[in-house]
PDB file of N, CA and C in Angstrom:
ATOM      1  N   MET A   1     -12.075 -31.001  25.810  1.00  0.00           N
ATOM      2  CA  MET A   1     -11.608 -29.719  26.271  1.00  0.00           C
ATOM      3  C   MET A   1     -10.273 -29.908  26.986  1.00  0.00           C
ATOM      4  N   ALA A   2      -9.340 -29.014  26.675  1.00  0.00           N
ATOM      5  CA  ALA A   2      -8.023 -29.103  27.292  1.00  0.00           C
ATOM      6  C   ALA A   2      -8.091 -28.630  28.739  1.00  0.00           C
ATOM      7  N   LYS A   3      -7.284 -29.251  29.562  1.00  0.00           N
ATOM      8  CA  LYS A   3      -7.180 -28.837  30.956  1.00  0.00           C
ATOM      9  C   LYS A   3      -5.926 -27.995  31.129  1.00  0.00           C
ATOM     10  N   PHE A   4      -6.050 -26.929  31.883  1.00  0.00           N
ATOM     11  CA  PHE A   4      -4.920 -26.064  32.138  1.00  0.00           C
ATOM     12  C   PHE A   4      -4.542 -26.187  33.604  1.00  0.00           C
ATOM     13  N   PRO A   5      -3.297 -26.480  33.863  1.00  0.00           N
ATOM     14  CA  PRO A   5      -2.881 -26.632  35.253  1.00  0.00           C
ATOM     15  C   PRO A   5      -2.775 -25.288  35.979  1.00  0.00           C
ATOM     16  N   GLY A   6      -2.992 -25.323  37.237  1.00  0.00           N
ATOM     17  CA  GLY A   6      -2.730 -24.167  38.102  1.00  0.00           C
ATOM     18  C   GLY A   6      -3.588 -22.963  37.819  1.00  0.00           C
ATOM     19  N   ALA A   7      -2.939 -21.784  37.836  1.00  0.00           N
ATOM     20  CA  ALA A   7      -3.633 -20.503  37.728  1.00  0.00           C
ATOM     21  C   ALA A   7      -4.403 -20.372  36.423  1.00  0.00           C
ATOM     22  N   SER A   8      -3.854 -20.901  35.325  1.00  0.00           N
ATOM     23  CA  SER A   8      -4.538 -20.798  34.037  1.00  0.00           C
ATOM     24  C   SER A   8      -5.896 -21.455  34.092  1.00  0.00           C
ATOM     25  N   GLU A   9      -5.965 -22.600  34.760  1.00  0.00           N
ATOM     26  CA  GLU A   9      -7.237 -23.315  34.861  1.00  0.00           C
ATOM     27  C   GLU A   9      -8.257 -22.484  35.636  1.00  0.00           C
ATOM     28  N   ARG A  10      -7.827 -21.820  36.664  1.00  0.00           N
ATOM     29  CA  ARG A  10      -8.742 -20.994  37.455  1.00  0.00           C
ATOM     30  C   ARG A  10      -9.251 -19.805  36.643  1.00  0.00           C
ATOM     31  N   ARG A  11      -8.381 -19.158  35.834  1.00  0.00           N
ATOM     32  CA  ARG A  11      -8.797 -18.005  35.042  1.00  0.00           C
ATOM     33  C   ARG A  11      -9.768 -18.399  33.936  1.00  0.00           C
ATOM     34  N   CYS A  12      -9.578 -19.548  33.336  1.00  0.00           N
ATOM     35  CA  CYS A  12     -10.435 -19.983  32.223  1.00  0.00           C
ATOM     36  C   CYS A  12     -11.754 -20.566  32.697  1.00  0.00           C
ATOM     37  N   ARG A  13     -11.791 -21.036  33.922  1.00  0.00           N
ATOM     38  CA  ARG A  13     -13.003 -21.581  34.529  1.00  0.00           C
ATOM     39  C   ARG A  13     -13.694 -22.613  33.626  1.00  0.00           C
ATOM     40  N   GLY A  14     -12.896 -23.484  33.023  1.00  0.00           N
ATOM     41  CA  GLY A  14     -13.436 -24.581  32.230  1.00  0.00           C
ATOM     42  C   GLY A  14     -13.909 -24.196  30.838  1.00  0.00           C
ATOM     43  N   LYS A  15     -13.691 -22.957  30.419  1.00  0.00           N
ATOM     44  CA  LYS A  15     -14.114 -22.527  29.086  1.00  0.00           C
ATOM     45  C   LYS A  15     -13.120 -23.017  28.042  1.00  0.00           C
ATOM     46  N   PHE A  16     -13.595 -23.119  26.814  1.00  0.00           N
ATOM     47  CA  PHE A  16     -12.749 -23.535  25.700  1.00  0.00           C
ATOM     48  C   PHE A  16     -11.848 -22.374  25.307  1.00  0.00           C
ATOM     49  N   VAL A  17     -10.552 -22.631  25.170  1.00  0.00           N
ATOM     50  CA  VAL A  17      -9.585 -21.586  24.836  1.00  0.00           C
ATOM     51  C   VAL A  17      -8.875 -21.971  23.550  1.00  0.00           C
ATOM     52  N   VAL A  18      -8.785 -21.017  22.624  1.00  0.00           N
ATOM     53  CA  VAL A  18      -8.070 -21.237  21.369  1.00  0.00           C
ATOM     54  C   VAL A  18      -7.023 -20.134  21.222  1.00  0.00           C
ATOM     55  N   PRO A  19      -5.973 -20.394  20.471  1.00  0.00           N
ATOM     56  CA  PRO A  19      -4.972 -19.343  20.253  1.00  0.00           C
ATOM     57  C   PRO A  19      -5.562 -18.213  19.405  1.00  0.00           C
ATOM     58  N   GLY A  20      -4.967 -17.046  19.467  1.00  0.00           N
ATOM     59  CA  GLY A  20      -5.432 -15.912  18.669  1.00  0.00           C
ATOM     60  C   GLY A  20      -5.290 -16.199  17.181  1.00  0.00           C
ATOM     61  N   PHE A  21      -6.244 -15.732  16.422  1.00  0.00           N
ATOM     62  CA  PHE A  21      -6.188 -15.893  14.976  1.00  0.00           C
ATOM     63  C   PHE A  21      -5.637 -14.617  14.368  1.00  0.00           C
ATOM     64  N   VAL A  22      -4.555 -14.737  13.627  1.00  0.00           N
ATOM     65  CA  VAL A  22      -3.916 -13.592  13.005  1.00  0.00           C
ATOM     66  C   VAL A  22      -3.780 -13.885  11.514  1.00  0.00           C
ATOM     67  N   ASP A  23      -4.246 -12.972  10.694  1.00  0.00           N
ATOM     68  CA  ASP A  23      -4.184 -13.169   9.251  1.00  0.00           C
ATOM     69  C   ASP A  23      -3.021 -12.366   8.678  1.00  0.00           C
ATOM     70  N   ALA A  24      -1.831 -12.806   8.949  1.00  0.00           N
ATOM     71  CA  ALA A  24      -0.651 -12.164   8.369  1.00  0.00           C
ATOM     72  C   ALA A  24      -0.269 -12.966   7.137  1.00  0.00           C
ATOM     73  N   HIS A  25      -0.350 -12.322   5.998  1.00  0.00           N
ATOM     74  CA  HIS A  25      -0.036 -13.034   4.763  1.00  0.00           C
ATOM     75  C   HIS A  25       0.438 -12.039   3.711  1.00  0.00           C
ATOM     76  N   VAL A  26       0.960 -12.562   2.640  1.00  0.00           N
ATOM     77  CA  VAL A  26       1.370 -11.736   1.511  1.00  0.00           C
ATOM     78  C   VAL A  26       0.871 -12.401   0.235  1.00  0.00           C
ATOM     79  N   HIS A  27       0.448 -11.587  -0.690  1.00  0.00           N
ATOM     80  CA  HIS A  27       0.088 -12.095  -2.004  1.00  0.00           C
ATOM     81  C   HIS A  27       1.376 -12.115  -2.820  1.00  0.00           C
ATOM     82  N   LEU A  28       1.718 -13.250  -3.321  1.00  0.00           N
ATOM     83  CA  LEU A  28       3.022 -13.462  -3.935  1.00  0.00           C
ATOM     84  C   LEU A  28       3.343 -12.452  -5.034  1.00  0.00           C
ATOM     85  N   ILE A  29       2.433 -12.230  -5.937  1.00  0.00           N
ATOM     86  CA  ILE A  29       2.707 -11.337  -7.063  1.00  0.00           C
ATOM     87  C   ILE A  29       2.877  -9.892  -6.598  1.00  0.00           C
ATOM     88  N   THR A  30       1.903  -9.360  -5.845  1.00  0.00           N
ATOM     89  CA  THR A  30       2.016  -7.964  -5.410  1.00  0.00           C
ATOM     90  C   THR A  30       3.122  -7.790  -4.366  1.00  0.00           C
ATOM     91  N   GLY A  31       3.345  -8.788  -3.545  1.00  0.00           N
ATOM     92  CA  GLY A  31       4.441  -8.710  -2.583  1.00  0.00           C
ATOM     93  C   GLY A  31       5.787  -8.642  -3.274  1.00  0.00           C
ATOM     94  N   GLY A  32       5.958  -9.444  -4.299  1.00  0.00           N
ATOM     95  CA  GLY A  32       7.195  -9.404  -5.087  1.00  0.00           C
ATOM     96  C   GLY A  32       7.343  -8.090  -5.827  1.00  0.00           C
ATOM     97  N   PHE A  33       6.248  -7.600  -6.396  1.00  0.00           N
ATOM     98  CA  PHE A  33       6.261  -6.312  -7.091  1.00  0.00           C
ATOM     99  C   PHE A  33       6.714  -5.200  -6.147  1.00  0.00           C
ATOM    100  N   ALA A  34       6.177  -5.206  -4.934  1.00  0.00           N
ATOM    101  CA  ALA A  34       6.481  -4.153  -3.967  1.00  0.00           C
ATOM    102  C   ALA A  34       7.967  -4.084  -3.638  1.00  0.00           C
ATOM    103  N   LEU A  35       8.642  -5.213  -3.670  1.00  0.00           N
ATOM    104  CA  LEU A  35      10.078  -5.231  -3.345  1.00  0.00           C
ATOM    105  C   LEU A  35      10.910  -4.416  -4.329  1.00  0.00           C
ATOM    106  N   GLY A  36      10.461  -4.343  -5.577  1.00  0.00           N
ATOM    107  CA  GLY A  36      11.221  -3.612  -6.588  1.00  0.00           C
ATOM    108  C   GLY A  36      10.617  -2.271  -6.965  1.00  0.00           C
ATOM    109  N   ALA A  37       9.558  -1.866  -6.293  1.00  0.00           N
ATOM    110  CA  ALA A  37       8.850  -0.636  -6.647  1.00  0.00           C
ATOM    111  C   ALA A  37       9.218   0.504  -5.702  1.00  0.00           C
ATOM    112  N   LEU A  38       8.909   1.710  -6.157  1.00  0.00           N
ATOM    113  CA  LEU A  38       9.076   2.905  -5.338  1.00  0.00           C
ATOM    114  C   LEU A  38       8.133   2.815  -4.137  1.00  0.00           C
ATOM    115  N   ASP A  39       8.656   2.965  -2.942  1.00  0.00           N
ATOM    116  CA  ASP A  39       7.849   2.878  -1.717  1.00  0.00           C
ATOM    117  C   ASP A  39       7.088   4.184  -1.513  1.00  0.00           C
ATOM    118  N   LEU A  40       5.772   4.112  -1.616  1.00  0.00           N
ATOM    119  CA  LEU A  40       4.925   5.293  -1.444  1.00  0.00           C
ATOM    120  C   LEU A  40       4.190   5.294  -0.108  1.00  0.00           C
ATOM    121  N   SER A  41       4.572   4.410   0.786  1.00  0.00           N
ATOM    122  CA  SER A  41       3.875   4.297   2.071  1.00  0.00           C
ATOM    123  C   SER A  41       4.108   5.505   2.980  1.00  0.00           C
ATOM    124  N   HIS A  42       5.152   6.267   2.722  1.00  0.00           N
ATOM    125  CA  HIS A  42       5.485   7.414   3.570  1.00  0.00           C
ATOM    126  C   HIS A  42       4.802   8.705   3.141  1.00  0.00           C
ATOM    127  N   VAL A  43       4.200   8.748   1.965  1.00  0.00           N
ATOM    128  CA  VAL A  43       3.638  10.014   1.479  1.00  0.00           C
ATOM    129  C   VAL A  43       2.369  10.367   2.244  1.00  0.00           C
ATOM    130  N   ARG A  44       2.217  11.658   2.561  1.00  0.00           N
ATOM    131  CA  ARG A  44       1.090  12.119   3.366  1.00  0.00           C
ATOM    132  C   ARG A  44       0.318  13.264   2.712  1.00  0.00           C
ATOM    133  N   SER A  45       0.584  13.506   1.421  1.00  0.00           N
ATOM    134  CA  SER A  45      -0.135  14.571   0.729  1.00  0.00           C
ATOM    135  C   SER A  45      -0.059  14.345  -0.773  1.00  0.00           C
ATOM    136  N   LYS A  46      -0.912  15.057  -1.489  1.00  0.00           N
ATOM    137  CA  LYS A  46      -0.897  14.975  -2.949  1.00  0.00           C
ATOM    138  C   LYS A  46       0.455  15.425  -3.487  1.00  0.00           C
ATOM    139  N   SER A  47       0.975  16.522  -2.950  1.00  0.00           N
ATOM    140  CA  SER A  47       2.258  17.028  -3.449  1.00  0.00           C
ATOM    141  C   SER A  47       3.398  16.054  -3.150  1.00  0.00           C
ATOM    142  N   GLU A  48       3.408  15.433  -1.983  1.00  0.00           N
ATOM    143  CA  GLU A  48       4.440  14.434  -1.670  1.00  0.00           C
ATOM    144  C   GLU A  48       4.335  13.236  -2.606  1.00  0.00           C
ATOM    145  N   PHE A  49       3.113  12.821  -2.896  1.00  0.00           N
ATOM    146  CA  PHE A  49       2.888  11.704  -3.802  1.00  0.00           C
ATOM    147  C   PHE A  49       3.479  12.013  -5.180  1.00  0.00           C
ATOM    148  N   LEU A  50       3.123  13.178  -5.729  1.00  0.00           N
ATOM    149  CA  LEU A  50       3.599  13.557  -7.059  1.00  0.00           C
ATOM    150  C   LEU A  50       5.101  13.806  -7.071  1.00  0.00           C
ATOM    151  N   ASP A  51       5.632  14.431  -6.026  1.00  0.00           N
ATOM    152  CA  ASP A  51       7.079  14.672  -5.951  1.00  0.00           C
ATOM    153  C   ASP A  51       7.864  13.365  -5.883  1.00  0.00           C
ATOM    154  N   ALA A  52       7.361  12.399  -5.120  1.00  0.00           N
ATOM    155  CA  ALA A  52       8.044  11.099  -5.016  1.00  0.00           C
ATOM    156  C   ALA A  52       8.104  10.424  -6.378  1.00  0.00           C
ATOM    157  N   LEU A  53       7.013  10.495  -7.124  1.00  0.00           N
ATOM    158  CA  LEU A  53       7.014   9.920  -8.467  1.00  0.00           C
ATOM    159  C   LEU A  53       7.958  10.691  -9.386  1.00  0.00           C
ATOM    160  N   ALA A  54       7.892  12.020  -9.338  1.00  0.00           N
ATOM    161  CA  ALA A  54       8.702  12.857 -10.225  1.00  0.00           C
ATOM    162  C   ALA A  54      10.199  12.654  -9.998  1.00  0.00           C
ATOM    163  N   MET A  55      10.595  12.394  -8.765  1.00  0.00           N
ATOM    164  CA  MET A  55      12.016  12.175  -8.475  1.00  0.00           C
ATOM    165  C   MET A  55      12.520  10.865  -9.084  1.00  0.00           C
ATOM    166  N   ASN A  56      11.607  10.040  -9.549  1.00  0.00           N
ATOM    167  CA  ASN A  56      11.985   8.750 -10.103  1.00  0.00           C
ATOM    168  C   ASN A  56      11.691   8.627 -11.589  1.00  0.00           C
ATOM    169  N   VAL A  57      11.493   9.757 -12.257  1.00  0.00           N
ATOM    170  CA  VAL A  57      11.252   9.736 -13.701  1.00  0.00           C
ATOM    171  C   VAL A  57      12.536   9.316 -14.417  1.00  0.00           C
ATOM    172  N   ARG A  58      12.408   8.311 -15.257  1.00  0.00           N
ATOM    173  CA  ARG A  58      13.527   7.840 -16.077  1.00  0.00           C
ATOM    174  C   ARG A  58      13.097   7.971 -17.536  1.00  0.00           C
ATOM    175  N   ARG A  59      13.925   8.556 -18.350  1.00  0.00           N
ATOM    176  CA  ARG A  59      13.584   8.717 -19.764  1.00  0.00           C
ATOM    177  C   ARG A  59      13.383   7.342 -20.391  1.00  0.00           C
ATOM    178  N   ASN A  60      12.261   7.164 -21.068  1.00  0.00           N
ATOM    179  CA  ASN A  60      11.898   5.911 -21.744  1.00  0.00           C
ATOM    180  C   ASN A  60      11.772   4.727 -20.786  1.00  0.00           C
ATOM    181  N   GLY A  61      11.643   5.009 -19.522  1.00  0.00           N
ATOM    182  CA  GLY A  61      11.496   3.927 -18.549  1.00  0.00           C
ATOM    183  C   GLY A  61      10.140   3.971 -17.876  1.00  0.00           C
ATOM    184  N   TRP A  62      10.018   3.218 -16.832  1.00  0.00           N
ATOM    185  CA  TRP A  62       8.780   3.140 -16.071  1.00  0.00           C
ATOM    186  C   TRP A  62       8.998   3.665 -14.661  1.00  0.00           C
ATOM    187  N   ILE A  63       7.939   4.223 -14.087  1.00  0.00           N
ATOM    188  CA  ILE A  63       7.894   4.494 -12.658  1.00  0.00           C
ATOM    189  C   ILE A  63       6.904   3.474 -12.099  1.00  0.00           C
ATOM    190  N   LEU A  64       7.397   2.602 -11.261  1.00  0.00           N
ATOM    191  CA  LEU A  64       6.558   1.599 -10.618  1.00  0.00           C
ATOM    192  C   LEU A  64       6.493   1.935  -9.137  1.00  0.00           C
ATOM    193  N   GLY A  65       5.299   2.158  -8.634  1.00  0.00           N
ATOM    194  CA  GLY A  65       5.143   2.546  -7.236  1.00  0.00           C
ATOM    195  C   GLY A  65       4.169   1.643  -6.514  1.00  0.00           C
ATOM    196  N   TYR A  66       4.347   1.555  -5.205  1.00  0.00           N
ATOM    197  CA  TYR A  66       3.496   0.689  -4.402  1.00  0.00           C
ATOM    198  C   TYR A  66       3.351   1.256  -2.994  1.00  0.00           C
ATOM    199  N   GLY A  67       2.153   1.153  -2.439  1.00  0.00           N
ATOM    200  CA  GLY A  67       1.986   1.405  -1.021  1.00  0.00           C
ATOM    201  C   GLY A  67       1.304   2.681  -0.602  1.00  0.00           C
ATOM    202  N   TRP A  68       0.753   3.475  -1.541  1.00  0.00           N
ATOM    203  CA  TRP A  68       0.098   4.696  -1.084  1.00  0.00           C
ATOM    204  C   TRP A  68      -1.191   4.348  -0.346  1.00  0.00           C
ATOM    205  N   ASP A  69      -1.570   5.229   0.566  1.00  0.00           N
ATOM    206  CA  ASP A  69      -2.831   5.084   1.298  1.00  0.00           C
ATOM    207  C   ASP A  69      -3.403   6.484   1.474  1.00  0.00           C
ATOM    208  N   GLU A  70      -4.360   6.827   0.630  1.00  0.00           N
ATOM    209  CA  GLU A  70      -4.900   8.190   0.633  1.00  0.00           C
ATOM    210  C   GLU A  70      -5.612   8.554   1.926  1.00  0.00           C
ATOM    211  N   THR A  71      -5.958   7.585   2.744  1.00  0.00           N
ATOM    212  CA  THR A  71      -6.592   7.924   4.027  1.00  0.00           C
ATOM    213  C   THR A  71      -5.600   8.593   4.969  1.00  0.00           C
ATOM    214  N   ARG A  72      -4.328   8.535   4.656  1.00  0.00           N
ATOM    215  CA  ARG A  72      -3.295   9.204   5.467  1.00  0.00           C
ATOM    216  C   ARG A  72      -2.929  10.578   4.928  1.00  0.00           C
ATOM    217  N   PHE A  73      -3.496  10.955   3.782  1.00  0.00           N
ATOM    218  CA  PHE A  73      -3.189  12.251   3.188  1.00  0.00           C
ATOM    219  C   PHE A  73      -3.847  13.357   3.995  1.00  0.00           C
ATOM    220  N   MET A  74      -3.102  14.426   4.227  1.00  0.00           N
ATOM    221  CA  MET A  74      -3.600  15.526   5.039  1.00  0.00           C
ATOM    222  C   MET A  74      -4.320  16.597   4.209  1.00  0.00           C
ATOM    223  N   ASP A  75      -4.029  16.683   2.911  1.00  0.00           N
ATOM    224  CA  ASP A  75      -4.482  17.837   2.137  1.00  0.00           C
ATOM    225  C   ASP A  75      -5.589  17.564   1.122  1.00  0.00           C
ATOM    226  N   VAL A  76      -5.943  16.325   0.899  1.00  0.00           N
ATOM    227  CA  VAL A  76      -6.980  16.027  -0.092  1.00  0.00           C
ATOM    228  C   VAL A  76      -7.874  14.906   0.406  1.00  0.00           C
ATOM    229  N   SER A  77      -9.055  14.853  -0.156  1.00  0.00           N
ATOM    230  CA  SER A  77      -9.949  13.754   0.192  1.00  0.00           C
ATOM    231  C   SER A  77     -10.159  12.831  -1.003  1.00  0.00           C
ATOM    232  N   SER A  78      -9.444  13.091  -2.084  1.00  0.00           N
ATOM    233  CA  SER A  78      -9.591  12.256  -3.274  1.00  0.00           C
ATOM    234  C   SER A  78      -8.496  11.201  -3.334  1.00  0.00           C
ATOM    235  N   THR A  79      -8.725  10.231  -4.159  1.00  0.00           N
ATOM    236  CA  THR A  79      -7.768   9.139  -4.356  1.00  0.00           C
ATOM    237  C   THR A  79      -6.837   9.483  -5.508  1.00  0.00           C
ATOM    238  N   PRO A  80      -5.552   9.178  -5.398  1.00  0.00           N
ATOM    239  CA  PRO A  80      -4.644   9.412  -6.529  1.00  0.00           C
ATOM    240  C   PRO A  80      -5.193   8.766  -7.799  1.00  0.00           C
ATOM    241  N   SER A  81      -4.984   9.448  -8.919  1.00  0.00           N
ATOM    242  CA  SER A  81      -5.509   8.943 -10.180  1.00  0.00           C
ATOM    243  C   SER A  81      -4.701   9.486 -11.347  1.00  0.00           C
ATOM    244  N   ILE A  82      -5.045   9.018 -12.526  1.00  0.00           N
ATOM    245  CA  ILE A  82      -4.401   9.497 -13.743  1.00  0.00           C
ATOM    246  C   ILE A  82      -4.594  11.004 -13.895  1.00  0.00           C
ATOM    247  N   ASP A  83      -5.702  11.530 -13.369  1.00  0.00           N
ATOM    248  CA  ASP A  83      -5.946  12.977 -13.436  1.00  0.00           C
ATOM    249  C   ASP A  83      -4.857  13.761 -12.719  1.00  0.00           C
ATOM    250  N   TRP A  84      -4.390  13.245 -11.577  1.00  0.00           N
ATOM    251  CA  TRP A  84      -3.313  13.920 -10.858  1.00  0.00           C
ATOM    252  C   TRP A  84      -2.075  14.037 -11.739  1.00  0.00           C
ATOM    253  N   LEU A  85      -1.747  12.967 -12.441  1.00  0.00           N
ATOM    254  CA  LEU A  85      -0.566  12.971 -13.301  1.00  0.00           C
ATOM    255  C   LEU A  85      -0.756  13.931 -14.475  1.00  0.00           C
ATOM    256  N   SER A  86      -1.933  13.920 -15.063  1.00  0.00           N
ATOM    257  CA  SER A  86      -2.221  14.776 -16.221  1.00  0.00           C
ATOM    258  C   SER A  86      -2.169  16.250 -15.848  1.00  0.00           C
ATOM    259  N   GLU A  87      -2.691  16.601 -14.692  1.00  0.00           N
ATOM    260  CA  GLU A  87      -2.705  17.990 -14.231  1.00  0.00           C
ATOM    261  C   GLU A  87      -1.312  18.496 -13.897  1.00  0.00           C
ATOM    262  N   ASP A  88      -0.423  17.611 -13.470  1.00  0.00           N
ATOM    263  CA  ASP A  88       0.889  18.007 -12.968  1.00  0.00           C
ATOM    264  C   ASP A  88       1.844  18.446 -14.073  1.00  0.00           C
ATOM    265  N   GLY A  89       1.849  17.768 -15.201  1.00  0.00           N
ATOM    266  CA  GLY A  89       2.718  18.149 -16.311  1.00  0.00           C
ATOM    267  C   GLY A  89       4.086  17.495 -16.316  1.00  0.00           C
ATOM    268  N   ARG A  90       4.581  17.049 -15.163  1.00  0.00           N
ATOM    269  CA  ARG A  90       5.898  16.403 -15.118  1.00  0.00           C
ATOM    270  C   ARG A  90       5.866  14.975 -15.648  1.00  0.00           C
ATOM    271  N   PHE A  91       4.687  14.476 -15.941  1.00  0.00           N
ATOM    272  CA  PHE A  91       4.564  13.070 -16.312  1.00  0.00           C
ATOM    273  C   PHE A  91       4.114  12.868 -17.759  1.00  0.00           C
ATOM    274  N   ASP A  92       4.186  13.928 -18.553  1.00  0.00           N
ATOM    275  CA  ASP A  92       3.829  13.805 -19.964  1.00  0.00           C
ATOM    276  C   ASP A  92       4.760  12.805 -20.637  1.00  0.00           C
ATOM    277  N   GLY A  93       4.193  11.766 -21.207  1.00  0.00           N
ATOM    278  CA  GLY A  93       4.978  10.749 -21.897  1.00  0.00           C
ATOM    279  C   GLY A  93       5.666   9.754 -20.985  1.00  0.00           C
ATOM    280  N   VAL A  94       5.470   9.876 -19.665  1.00  0.00           N
ATOM    281  CA  VAL A  94       6.124   8.978 -18.707  1.00  0.00           C
ATOM    282  C   VAL A  94       5.178   7.815 -18.391  1.00  0.00           C
ATOM    283  N   LYS A  95       5.731   6.620 -18.391  1.00  0.00           N
ATOM    284  CA  LYS A  95       4.942   5.426 -18.070  1.00  0.00           C
ATOM    285  C   LYS A  95       4.949   5.222 -16.558  1.00  0.00           C
ATOM    286  N   VAL A  96       3.769   5.310 -15.956  1.00  0.00           N
ATOM    287  CA  VAL A  96       3.620   5.189 -14.505  1.00  0.00           C
ATOM    288  C   VAL A  96       2.598   4.090 -14.209  1.00  0.00           C
ATOM    289  N   TRP A  97       2.942   3.252 -13.253  1.00  0.00           N
ATOM    290  CA  TRP A  97       2.005   2.240 -12.743  1.00  0.00           C
ATOM    291  C   TRP A  97       2.184   2.215 -11.239  1.00  0.00           C
ATOM    292  N   VAL A  98       1.125   2.540 -10.488  1.00  0.00           N
ATOM    293  CA  VAL A  98       1.199   2.561  -9.032  1.00  0.00           C
ATOM    294  C   VAL A  98       0.039   1.767  -8.439  1.00  0.00           C
ATOM    295  N   ILE A  99       0.323   1.096  -7.337  1.00  0.00           N
ATOM    296  CA  ILE A  99      -0.648   0.237  -6.674  1.00  0.00           C
ATOM    297  C   ILE A  99      -0.825   0.724  -5.230  1.00  0.00           C
ATOM    298  N   ARG A 100      -2.078   0.729  -4.790  1.00  0.00           N
ATOM    299  CA  ARG A 100      -2.412   1.142  -3.421  1.00  0.00           C
ATOM    300  C   ARG A 100      -1.849   0.136  -2.415  1.00  0.00           C
ATOM    301  N   ALA A 101      -1.741   0.532  -1.158  1.00  0.00           N
ATOM    302  CA  ALA A 101      -1.155  -0.305  -0.099  1.00  0.00           C
ATOM    303  C   ALA A 101      -1.840  -1.660   0.032  1.00  0.00           C
ATOM    304  N   ASP A 102      -3.147  -1.698  -0.152  1.00  0.00           N
ATOM    305  CA  ASP A 102      -3.861  -2.970  -0.004  1.00  0.00           C
ATOM    306  C   ASP A 102      -3.949  -3.761  -1.309  1.00  0.00           C
ATOM    307  N   ALA A 103      -3.383  -3.217  -2.373  1.00  0.00           N
ATOM    308  CA  ALA A 103      -3.381  -3.847  -3.706  1.00  0.00           C
ATOM    309  C   ALA A 103      -4.786  -4.027  -4.268  1.00  0.00           C
ATOM    310  N   HIS A 104      -5.750  -3.271  -3.762  1.00  0.00           N
ATOM    311  CA  HIS A 104      -7.109  -3.346  -4.283  1.00  0.00           C
ATOM    312  C   HIS A 104      -7.405  -2.213  -5.259  1.00  0.00           C
ATOM    313  N   ALA A 105      -6.444  -1.335  -5.458  1.00  0.00           N
ATOM    314  CA  ALA A 105      -6.610  -0.235  -6.410  1.00  0.00           C
ATOM    315  C   ALA A 105      -5.258   0.075  -7.029  1.00  0.00           C
ATOM    316  N   ALA A 106      -5.303   0.541  -8.258  1.00  0.00           N
ATOM    317  CA  ALA A 106      -4.080   0.923  -8.969  1.00  0.00           C
ATOM    318  C   ALA A 106      -4.488   1.829 -10.118  1.00  0.00           C
ATOM    319  N   PHE A 107      -3.506   2.537 -10.679  1.00  0.00           N
ATOM    320  CA  PHE A 107      -3.778   3.273 -11.893  1.00  0.00           C
ATOM    321  C   PHE A 107      -2.488   3.430 -12.688  1.00  0.00           C
ATOM    322  N   ALA A 108      -2.668   3.728 -13.960  1.00  0.00           N
ATOM    323  CA  ALA A 108      -1.540   3.889 -14.875  1.00  0.00           C
ATOM    324  C   ALA A 108      -1.662   5.241 -15.569  1.00  0.00           C
ATOM    325  N   SER A 109      -0.536   5.748 -15.991  1.00  0.00           N
ATOM    326  CA  SER A 109      -0.546   6.986 -16.771  1.00  0.00           C
ATOM    327  C   SER A 109      -1.016   6.679 -18.182  1.00  0.00           C
ATOM    328  N   ALA A 110      -1.331   7.736 -18.933  1.00  0.00           N
ATOM    329  CA  ALA A 110      -1.767   7.564 -20.319  1.00  0.00           C
ATOM    330  C   ALA A 110      -0.678   6.905 -21.153  1.00  0.00           C
ATOM    331  N   ALA A 111       0.576   7.241 -20.895  1.00  0.00           N
ATOM    332  CA  ALA A 111       1.688   6.665 -21.659  1.00  0.00           C
ATOM    333  C   ALA A 111       1.847   5.174 -21.403  1.00  0.00           C
ATOM    334  N   ALA A 112       1.488   4.746 -20.191  1.00  0.00           N
ATOM    335  CA  ALA A 112       1.605   3.333 -19.866  1.00  0.00           C
ATOM    336  C   ALA A 112       0.562   2.534 -20.629  1.00  0.00           C
TER     337      ALA A 112
END
């Protein structure tokens, strides 16, 4: 057991002390993807989510998005999905691939 001089020793009272454990990490593939993708971390509603994607529609290109978190949405309790894109109409024939903030969920448009 390590000894702590002075006041620290009195506060610890001989107990074992370890530094805080912090799990700060990045997954290389999704972290790299996020750097080049549309940042969706700021969206707070279904309409903001769809508008952010629609503003990035490129003819014959892809919309790549990363970072949405539906628990922050104020207007819906559902998770973004291909149904949202299909219902909207602005994404007909558009290739969309978006990944959730934790990279544990994603979806693609029908065109993708």
